[in-house]
Amino acid sequence: MKNIFMRLVQAARLMVGMGDYDAYVMHYQSHHPKLTPMTREEYFLNRLQARYPGKKGNINRCPC
């Protein structure tokens, strides 16, 4: 039951354009063990910038 809930949460995050930080860290540790993954805050800002590109990280367009 917990696994189904976690999958639904992950799917919902992907639908709104927000990746799953825990999945990112697991991937990073298994595929890039010598590198340090982004912090949760850095990851959030990176995903926000990817979704709404603008100058210096500012959102310059309506997300609608």
C-alpha atoms as a PDB file:
ATOM      1  CA  MET A   1       0.000   0.000   0.000  1.00  0.00           C
ATOM      2  CA  LYS A   2       2.829   2.392   0.888  1.00  0.00           C
ATOM      3  CA  ASN A   3       4.541   1.653  -2.430  1.00  0.00           C
ATOM      4  CA  ILE A   4       1.370   2.523  -4.367  1.00  0.00           C
ATOM      5  CA  PHE A   5       1.014   5.791  -2.444  1.00  0.00           C
ATOM      6  CA  MET A   6       4.648   6.734  -3.141  1.00  0.00           C
ATOM      7  CA  ARG A   7       4.147   5.990  -6.850  1.00  0.00           C
ATOM      8  CA  LEU A   8       1.052   8.212  -6.916  1.00  0.00           C
ATOM      9  CA  VAL A   9       2.952  11.040  -5.206  1.00  0.00           C
ATOM     10  CA  GLN A  10       5.804  10.685  -7.698  1.00  0.00           C
ATOM     11  CA  ALA A  11       3.356  10.701 -10.636  1.00  0.00           C
ATOM     12  CA  ALA A  12       1.612  13.799  -9.297  1.00  0.00           C
ATOM     13  CA  ARG A  13       4.923  15.630  -8.923  1.00  0.00           C
ATOM     14  CA  LEU A  14       5.922  14.727 -12.462  1.00  0.00           C
ATOM     15  CA  MET A  15       2.555  15.957 -13.772  1.00  0.00           C
ATOM     16  CA  VAL A  16       3.177  19.403 -12.343  1.00  0.00           C
ATOM     17  CA  GLY A  17       6.785  19.464 -13.519  1.00  0.00           C
ATOM     18  CA  MET A  18       8.458  18.790 -10.188  1.00  0.00           C
ATOM     19  CA  GLY A  19      10.786  15.833 -10.160  1.00  0.00           C
ATOM     20  CA  ASP A  20      11.259  13.462  -7.256  1.00  0.00           C
ATOM     21  CA  TYR A  21      14.301  14.517  -5.207  1.00  0.00           C
ATOM     22  CA  ASP A  22      14.715  11.119  -3.528  1.00  0.00           C
ATOM     23  CA  ALA A  23      14.715   9.341  -6.898  1.00  0.00           C
ATOM     24  CA  TYR A  24      17.252  11.896  -8.162  1.00  0.00           C
ATOM     25  CA  VAL A  25      19.569  11.195  -5.211  1.00  0.00           C
ATOM     26  CA  MET A  26      19.284   7.415  -5.631  1.00  0.00           C
ATOM     27  CA  HIS A  27      20.071   7.727  -9.357  1.00  0.00           C
ATOM     28  CA  TYR A  28      22.987  10.049  -8.647  1.00  0.00           C
ATOM     29  CA  GLN A  29      24.479   7.734  -6.026  1.00  0.00           C
ATOM     30  CA  SER A  30      24.206   4.675  -8.251  1.00  0.00           C
ATOM     31  CA  HIS A  31      25.376   6.270 -11.513  1.00  0.00           C
ATOM     32  CA  HIS A  32      27.700   9.054 -10.332  1.00  0.00           C
ATOM     33  CA  PRO A  33      29.151   7.861  -6.999  1.00  0.00           C
ATOM     34  CA  LYS A  34      32.183  10.195  -7.092  1.00  0.00           C
ATOM     35  CA  LEU A  35      30.056  13.339  -7.492  1.00  0.00           C
ATOM     36  CA  THR A  36      27.969  15.143  -4.899  1.00  0.00           C
ATOM     37  CA  PRO A  37      24.252  15.538  -5.732  1.00  0.00           C
ATOM     38  CA  MET A  38      22.500  18.887  -5.411  1.00  0.00           C
ATOM     39  CA  THR A  39      20.873  19.754  -2.115  1.00  0.00           C
ATOM     40  CA  ARG A  40      17.080  19.623  -1.936  1.00  0.00           C
ATOM     41  CA  GLU A  41      16.964  23.433  -2.288  1.00  0.00           C
ATOM     42  CA  GLU A  42      19.362  23.452  -5.264  1.00  0.00           C
ATOM     43  CA  TYR A  43      17.341  20.681  -6.903  1.00  0.00           C
ATOM     44  CA  PHE A  44      14.073  22.586  -6.421  1.00  0.00           C
ATOM     45  CA  LEU A  45      15.558  25.769  -7.899  1.00  0.00           C
ATOM     46  CA  ASN A  46      17.043  23.803 -10.796  1.00  0.00           C
ATOM     47  CA  ARG A  47      13.676  22.229 -11.646  1.00  0.00           C
ATOM     48  CA  LEU A  48      11.950  25.601 -11.296  1.00  0.00           C
ATOM     49  CA  GLN A  49      14.503  27.203 -13.636  1.00  0.00           C
ATOM     50  CA  ALA A  50      14.059  24.367 -16.146  1.00  0.00           C
ATOM     51  CA  ARG A  51      10.306  24.845 -16.141  1.00  0.00           C
ATOM     52  CA  TYR A  52      10.233  28.657 -16.117  1.00  0.00           C
ATOM     53  CA  PRO A  53      13.453  29.963 -17.655  1.00  0.00           C
ATOM     54  CA  GLY A  54      14.170  33.621 -17.007  1.00  0.00           C
ATOM     55  CA  LYS A  55      16.924  36.031 -16.104  1.00  0.00           C
ATOM     56  CA  LYS A  56      18.789  35.148 -12.907  1.00  0.00           C
ATOM     57  CA  GLY A  57      16.194  32.571 -11.906  1.00  0.00           C
ATOM     58  CA  ASN A  58      13.249  34.958 -11.978  1.00  0.00           C
ATOM     59  CA  ILE A  59       9.980  33.779 -13.442  1.00  0.00           C
ATOM     60  CA  ASN A  60       9.301  36.102 -16.372  1.00  0.00           C
ATOM     61  CA  ARG A  61       6.199  34.499 -17.810  1.00  0.00           C
ATOM     62  CA  CYS A  62       2.865  33.397 -16.546  1.00  0.00           C
ATOM     63  CA  PRO A  63       2.849  29.720 -15.583  1.00  0.00           C
ATOM     64  CA  CYS A  64      -0.740  29.359 -16.834  1.00  0.00           C
END
